Amino acid sequence: QVQLVESGGGLVQAGGSLRLSCAASGRTFRRYAMGWFRRAPGKEREFVAAISWSGGSTNYADSVKGRFTISRDNAKNTVFLQMNSLKPEDTAVYYCAAAPTIVVVRTTPDYWGQGTQVTVSS
């Protein structure tokens, strides 16, 4: 069982940066691939980024490539999403998720956090 708690959301102007954190409970955190998703108002939840259990592999949605960076600290049971050059269309609730592999975490994660709001003003 893995419990996930996101933090770091807030209000930022276009062009600014935010760093989201996702703290995981449980001794098995390092066995899980981790992902970030988002849901904008009136839209479906969409994949943003994923990272393998070791941190050696990462995937990104085309819409965030070159602007967002996912990383993890297994010693601190935490995964991060560094978001730079933010745009108003990045406004959404951001969720972290966990699954056994990076392929599965992109599609059908086993665990979800409750989300943190990111609002980008123009």
N, C-alpha and C. Protein backbone atom coordinates (compact mmCIF):
# COMPACT_ATOMS: atom_id res chain seq x y z
N GLN A 1 0.85 -1.21 0.00
CA GLN A 1 0.00 0.00 0.00
C GLN A 1 0.87 1.24 0.00
N VAL A 2 0.55 2.18 -0.85
CA VAL A 2 1.30 3.44 -0.96
C VAL A 2 0.31 4.60 -0.84
N GLN A 3 0.62 5.53 0.03
CA GLN A 3 -0.18 6.75 0.15
C GLN A 3 0.64 7.91 -0.38
N LEU A 4 0.00 8.76 -1.16
CA LEU A 4 0.68 9.85 -1.85
C LEU A 4 0.07 11.19 -1.46
N VAL A 5 0.92 12.17 -1.14
CA VAL A 5 0.45 13.50 -0.76
C VAL A 5 1.22 14.54 -1.56
N GLU A 6 0.50 15.29 -2.39
CA GLU A 6 1.13 16.33 -3.21
C GLU A 6 1.19 17.66 -2.45
N SER A 7 2.17 18.49 -2.82
CA SER A 7 2.27 19.84 -2.30
C SER A 7 3.02 20.70 -3.31
N GLY A 8 2.98 22.01 -3.08
CA GLY A 8 3.75 22.92 -3.91
C GLY A 8 2.96 23.68 -4.95
N GLY A 9 1.67 23.38 -5.06
CA GLY A 9 0.85 24.12 -6.02
C GLY A 9 0.64 25.56 -5.57
N GLY A 10 0.07 26.35 -6.47
CA GLY A 10 -0.20 27.74 -6.14
C GLY A 10 -0.51 28.56 -7.37
N LEU A 11 -0.47 29.88 -7.19
CA LEU A 11 -0.76 30.83 -8.26
C LEU A 11 0.56 31.44 -8.73
N VAL A 12 0.77 31.43 -10.05
CA VAL A 12 2.01 31.97 -10.60
C VAL A 12 1.69 32.67 -11.92
N GLN A 13 2.48 33.66 -12.26
CA GLN A 13 2.28 34.35 -13.54
C GLN A 13 2.87 33.54 -14.68
N ALA A 14 2.33 33.75 -15.86
CA ALA A 14 2.87 33.10 -17.05
C ALA A 14 4.36 33.39 -17.17
N GLY A 15 5.11 32.34 -17.51
CA GLY A 15 6.56 32.46 -17.59
C GLY A 15 7.27 32.09 -16.31
N GLY A 16 6.52 31.94 -15.24
CA GLY A 16 7.10 31.62 -13.95
C GLY A 16 7.34 30.13 -13.76
N SER A 17 7.76 29.77 -12.56
CA SER A 17 8.10 28.39 -12.23
C SER A 17 7.45 27.96 -10.92
N LEU A 18 7.21 26.67 -10.82
CA LEU A 18 6.75 26.04 -9.59
C LEU A 18 7.41 24.66 -9.49
N ARG A 19 7.57 24.20 -8.28
CA ARG A 19 8.08 22.85 -8.05
C ARG A 19 7.08 22.09 -7.20
N LEU A 20 6.51 21.05 -7.77
CA LEU A 20 5.59 20.20 -7.04
C LEU A 20 6.35 19.05 -6.39
N SER A 21 5.86 18.65 -5.22
CA SER A 21 6.42 17.50 -4.52
C SER A 21 5.32 16.50 -4.26
N CYS A 22 5.70 15.24 -4.21
CA CYS A 22 4.77 14.17 -3.86
C CYS A 22 5.47 13.26 -2.86
N ALA A 23 5.00 13.29 -1.64
CA ALA A 23 5.58 12.47 -0.59
C ALA A 23 4.82 11.15 -0.49
N ALA A 24 5.56 10.08 -0.47
CA ALA A 24 4.96 8.75 -0.43
C ALA A 24 5.24 8.07 0.90
N SER A 25 4.25 7.38 1.40
CA SER A 25 4.44 6.58 2.60
C SER A 25 4.74 5.15 2.20
N GLY A 26 5.31 4.40 3.11
CA GLY A 26 5.55 2.99 2.82
C GLY A 26 7.00 2.72 2.45
N ARG A 27 7.46 1.53 2.83
CA ARG A 27 8.83 1.16 2.60
C ARG A 27 9.10 0.76 1.16
N THR A 28 8.03 0.56 0.37
CA THR A 28 8.22 0.04 -0.98
C THR A 28 8.25 1.12 -2.04
N PHE A 29 8.36 2.37 -1.64
CA PHE A 29 8.34 3.48 -2.61
C PHE A 29 9.34 3.25 -3.72
N ARG A 30 10.53 2.81 -3.39
CA ARG A 30 11.57 2.72 -4.40
C ARG A 30 11.28 1.60 -5.42
N ARG A 31 10.28 0.78 -5.17
CA ARG A 31 9.92 -0.27 -6.12
C ARG A 31 8.93 0.23 -7.17
N TYR A 32 8.42 1.44 -7.00
CA TYR A 32 7.37 1.93 -7.87
C TYR A 32 7.89 2.98 -8.86
N ALA A 33 7.39 2.87 -10.07
CA ALA A 33 7.51 3.99 -11.00
C ALA A 33 6.49 5.04 -10.57
N MET A 34 6.80 6.30 -10.84
CA MET A 34 5.94 7.39 -10.41
C MET A 34 5.56 8.26 -11.60
N GLY A 35 4.38 8.84 -11.50
CA GLY A 35 3.93 9.70 -12.59
C GLY A 35 3.22 10.93 -12.08
N TRP A 36 3.13 11.93 -12.95
CA TRP A 36 2.32 13.12 -12.71
C TRP A 36 1.28 13.22 -13.81
N PHE A 37 0.07 13.57 -13.38
CA PHE A 37 -1.04 13.80 -14.29
C PHE A 37 -1.67 15.13 -13.93
N ARG A 38 -2.54 15.62 -14.81
CA ARG A 38 -3.26 16.85 -14.49
C ARG A 38 -4.65 16.80 -15.09
N ARG A 39 -5.56 17.57 -14.45
CA ARG A 39 -6.92 17.72 -14.98
C ARG A 39 -7.26 19.19 -14.97
N ALA A 40 -7.44 19.71 -16.17
CA ALA A 40 -7.85 21.10 -16.32
C ALA A 40 -9.37 21.19 -16.23
N PRO A 41 -9.90 22.36 -15.90
CA PRO A 41 -11.36 22.51 -15.80
C PRO A 41 -12.06 22.07 -17.08
N GLY A 42 -13.04 21.19 -16.95
CA GLY A 42 -13.82 20.74 -18.08
C GLY A 42 -13.13 19.76 -19.00
N LYS A 43 -11.96 19.26 -18.58
CA LYS A 43 -11.22 18.34 -19.45
C LYS A 43 -10.94 17.03 -18.72
N GLU A 44 -10.55 16.03 -19.51
CA GLU A 44 -10.17 14.74 -18.94
C GLU A 44 -8.79 14.86 -18.28
N ARG A 45 -8.55 13.96 -17.34
CA ARG A 45 -7.21 13.91 -16.74
C ARG A 45 -6.23 13.43 -17.79
N GLU A 46 -5.05 14.04 -17.82
CA GLU A 46 -4.06 13.68 -18.84
C GLU A 46 -2.70 13.43 -18.22
N PHE A 47 -1.93 12.59 -18.89
CA PHE A 47 -0.58 12.27 -18.46
C PHE A 47 0.33 13.48 -18.67
N VAL A 48 1.25 13.68 -17.72
CA VAL A 48 2.22 14.77 -17.81
C VAL A 48 3.65 14.23 -17.90
N ALA A 49 4.04 13.40 -16.93
CA ALA A 49 5.42 12.90 -16.89
C ALA A 49 5.47 11.64 -16.04
N ALA A 50 6.49 10.82 -16.28
CA ALA A 50 6.68 9.59 -15.51
C ALA A 50 8.17 9.33 -15.34
N ILE A 51 8.50 8.58 -14.29
CA ILE A 51 9.88 8.25 -13.99
C ILE A 51 9.94 6.82 -13.47
N SER A 52 10.95 6.09 -13.89
CA SER A 52 11.11 4.71 -13.45
C SER A 52 11.53 4.65 -11.98
N TRP A 53 11.51 3.45 -11.41
CA TRP A 53 11.82 3.32 -9.99
C TRP A 53 13.24 3.79 -9.68
N SER A 54 14.16 3.59 -10.61
CA SER A 54 15.55 3.97 -10.40
C SER A 54 15.83 5.43 -10.75
N GLY A 55 14.91 6.03 -11.48
CA GLY A 55 15.15 7.38 -11.97
C GLY A 55 15.87 7.41 -13.30
N GLY A 56 16.21 6.24 -13.83
CA GLY A 56 17.00 6.18 -15.05
C GLY A 56 16.22 6.43 -16.32
N SER A 57 14.89 6.28 -16.25
CA SER A 57 14.05 6.52 -17.43
C SER A 57 12.97 7.52 -17.10
N THR A 58 12.71 8.41 -18.04
CA THR A 58 11.64 9.39 -17.87
C THR A 58 10.86 9.51 -19.18
N ASN A 59 9.58 9.86 -19.04
CA ASN A 59 8.70 10.13 -20.19
C ASN A 59 8.00 11.44 -19.94
N TYR A 60 7.69 12.15 -21.03
CA TYR A 60 6.96 13.41 -20.90
C TYR A 60 5.90 13.51 -21.99
N ALA A 61 4.82 14.19 -21.65
CA ALA A 61 3.85 14.56 -22.67
C ALA A 61 4.48 15.61 -23.57
N ASP A 62 4.10 15.61 -24.84
CA ASP A 62 4.68 16.57 -25.78
C ASP A 62 4.45 18.01 -25.33
N SER A 63 3.32 18.25 -24.67
CA SER A 63 2.96 19.62 -24.29
C SER A 63 3.86 20.20 -23.22
N VAL A 64 4.62 19.36 -22.51
CA VAL A 64 5.48 19.86 -21.43
C VAL A 64 6.95 19.59 -21.66
N LYS A 65 7.29 18.88 -22.71
CA LYS A 65 8.70 18.57 -22.99
C LYS A 65 9.52 19.83 -23.10
N GLY A 66 10.67 19.82 -22.44
CA GLY A 66 11.55 20.97 -22.47
C GLY A 66 11.22 22.03 -21.42
N ARG A 67 10.06 21.91 -20.78
CA ARG A 67 9.66 22.88 -19.76
C ARG A 67 9.56 22.24 -18.38
N PHE A 68 9.11 20.99 -18.32
CA PHE A 68 8.93 20.29 -17.05
C PHE A 68 10.00 19.22 -16.89
N THR A 69 10.40 18.97 -15.64
CA THR A 69 11.36 17.92 -15.34
C THR A 69 10.87 17.12 -14.14
N ILE A 70 10.80 15.80 -14.30
CA ILE A 70 10.42 14.92 -13.21
C ILE A 70 11.69 14.32 -12.62
N SER A 71 11.72 14.19 -11.30
CA SER A 71 12.87 13.59 -10.61
C SER A 71 12.36 12.92 -9.34
N ARG A 72 13.22 12.16 -8.71
CA ARG A 72 12.83 11.49 -7.48
C ARG A 72 14.02 11.36 -6.55
N ASP A 73 13.70 11.28 -5.25
CA ASP A 73 14.68 11.05 -4.20
C ASP A 73 14.19 9.85 -3.41
N ASN A 74 14.72 8.69 -3.70
CA ASN A 74 14.22 7.47 -3.04
C ASN A 74 14.55 7.46 -1.55
N ALA A 75 15.61 8.13 -1.16
CA ALA A 75 15.94 8.19 0.26
C ALA A 75 14.91 8.97 1.05
N LYS A 76 14.22 9.92 0.37
CA LYS A 76 13.21 10.74 1.03
C LYS A 76 11.79 10.37 0.60
N ASN A 77 11.67 9.29 -0.16
CA ASN A 77 10.33 8.84 -0.61
C ASN A 77 9.55 9.97 -1.27
N THR A 78 10.21 10.72 -2.13
CA THR A 78 9.58 11.89 -2.73
C THR A 78 9.87 11.96 -4.23
N VAL A 79 8.85 12.36 -4.97
CA VAL A 79 9.01 12.63 -6.40
C VAL A 79 8.67 14.09 -6.64
N PHE A 80 9.36 14.70 -7.59
CA PHE A 80 9.22 16.13 -7.84
C PHE A 80 8.82 16.38 -9.29
N LEU A 81 8.17 17.52 -9.49
CA LEU A 81 7.91 17.99 -10.85
C LEU A 81 8.31 19.46 -10.89
N GLN A 82 9.43 19.75 -11.54
CA GLN A 82 9.87 21.12 -11.72
C GLN A 82 9.21 21.66 -12.98
N MET A 83 8.45 22.73 -12.84
CA MET A 83 7.71 23.30 -13.95
C MET A 83 8.22 24.70 -14.24
N ASN A 84 8.80 24.89 -15.41
CA ASN A 84 9.32 26.18 -15.84
C ASN A 84 8.54 26.70 -17.04
N SER A 85 8.70 27.98 -17.31
CA SER A 85 8.03 28.62 -18.46
C SER A 85 6.54 28.27 -18.48
N LEU A 86 5.91 28.42 -17.35
CA LEU A 86 4.50 28.04 -17.24
C LEU A 86 3.61 28.90 -18.12
N LYS A 87 2.55 28.27 -18.62
CA LYS A 87 1.59 28.92 -19.50
C LYS A 87 0.21 28.84 -18.87
N PRO A 88 -0.70 29.73 -19.23
CA PRO A 88 -2.06 29.64 -18.69
C PRO A 88 -2.70 28.28 -18.94
N GLU A 89 -2.39 27.64 -20.05
CA GLU A 89 -2.97 26.32 -20.34
C GLU A 89 -2.42 25.21 -19.45
N ASP A 90 -1.41 25.51 -18.63
CA ASP A 90 -0.94 24.54 -17.65
C ASP A 90 -1.79 24.54 -16.39
N THR A 91 -2.73 25.46 -16.29
CA THR A 91 -3.62 25.53 -15.14
C THR A 91 -4.42 24.24 -15.02
N ALA A 92 -4.33 23.60 -13.84
CA ALA A 92 -4.99 22.31 -13.63
C ALA A 92 -4.75 21.87 -12.19
N VAL A 93 -5.46 20.83 -11.81
CA VAL A 93 -5.12 20.09 -10.59
C VAL A 93 -4.12 19.02 -11.00
N TYR A 94 -3.00 19.00 -10.29
CA TYR A 94 -1.92 18.05 -10.60
C TYR A 94 -1.93 16.91 -9.59
N TYR A 95 -1.85 15.70 -10.11
CA TYR A 95 -1.89 14.50 -9.29
C TYR A 95 -0.62 13.68 -9.48
N CYS A 96 -0.13 13.08 -8.41
CA CYS A 96 0.92 12.09 -8.60
C CYS A 96 0.31 10.70 -8.49
N ALA A 97 1.01 9.74 -9.06
CA ALA A 97 0.51 8.37 -9.13
C ALA A 97 1.67 7.41 -9.06
N ALA A 98 1.36 6.16 -8.70
CA ALA A 98 2.39 5.13 -8.57
C ALA A 98 1.92 3.83 -9.20
N ALA A 99 2.86 3.10 -9.78
CA ALA A 99 2.58 1.80 -10.39
C ALA A 99 3.89 1.02 -10.46
N PRO A 100 3.82 -0.28 -10.68
CA PRO A 100 5.05 -1.09 -10.68
C PRO A 100 6.05 -0.74 -11.79
N THR A 101 5.56 -0.29 -12.93
CA THR A 101 6.48 0.02 -14.03
C THR A 101 6.13 1.37 -14.66
N ILE A 102 7.08 1.92 -15.41
CA ILE A 102 6.86 3.21 -16.06
C ILE A 102 5.81 3.10 -17.15
N VAL A 103 5.67 1.93 -17.75
CA VAL A 103 4.64 1.74 -18.77
C VAL A 103 3.26 1.76 -18.13
N VAL A 104 3.11 1.05 -17.03
CA VAL A 104 1.81 0.97 -16.36
C VAL A 104 1.43 2.30 -15.73
N VAL A 105 2.41 3.03 -15.17
CA VAL A 105 2.07 4.28 -14.48
C VAL A 105 1.50 5.29 -15.46
N ARG A 106 1.85 5.19 -16.73
CA ARG A 106 1.31 6.12 -17.73
C ARG A 106 -0.16 5.84 -18.05
N THR A 107 -0.61 4.64 -17.80
CA THR A 107 -1.95 4.26 -18.26
C THR A 107 -2.90 3.90 -17.13
N THR A 108 -2.49 3.01 -16.22
CA THR A 108 -3.39 2.53 -15.18
C THR A 108 -2.66 2.47 -13.84
N PRO A 109 -2.35 3.62 -13.26
CA PRO A 109 -1.66 3.61 -11.96
C PRO A 109 -2.46 2.89 -10.88
N ASP A 110 -1.72 2.32 -9.92
CA ASP A 110 -2.36 1.64 -8.81
C ASP A 110 -2.78 2.61 -7.71
N TYR A 111 -2.03 3.68 -7.54
CA TYR A 111 -2.27 4.62 -6.44
C TYR A 111 -2.26 6.04 -6.95
N TRP A 112 -3.12 6.86 -6.32
CA TRP A 112 -3.24 8.27 -6.66
C TRP A 112 -3.18 9.14 -5.43
N GLY A 113 -2.61 10.34 -5.60
CA GLY A 113 -2.73 11.35 -4.57
C GLY A 113 -4.02 12.13 -4.75
N GLN A 114 -4.25 13.09 -3.88
CA GLN A 114 -5.51 13.85 -3.93
C GLN A 114 -5.41 15.12 -4.77
N GLY A 115 -4.19 15.49 -5.15
CA GLY A 115 -4.03 16.59 -6.09
C GLY A 115 -3.65 17.90 -5.44
N THR A 116 -3.01 18.76 -6.23
CA THR A 116 -2.67 20.10 -5.80
C THR A 116 -2.95 21.05 -6.97
N GLN A 117 -3.56 22.20 -6.65
CA GLN A 117 -4.00 23.13 -7.68
C GLN A 117 -2.84 24.00 -8.15
N VAL A 118 -2.69 24.09 -9.46
CA VAL A 118 -1.74 25.02 -10.09
C VAL A 118 -2.53 25.97 -10.97
N THR A 119 -2.37 27.26 -10.73
CA THR A 119 -3.05 28.27 -11.53
C THR A 119 -2.02 29.22 -12.12
N VAL A 120 -2.05 29.37 -13.44
CA VAL A 120 -1.11 30.23 -14.14
C VAL A 120 -1.89 31.39 -14.73
N SER A 121 -1.58 32.59 -14.29
CA SER A 121 -2.29 33.77 -14.78
C SER A 121 -1.56 34.38 -15.98
N SER A 122 -2.33 34.99 -16.86
CA SER A 122 -1.74 35.57 -18.08
C SER A 122 -1.35 37.01 -17.87
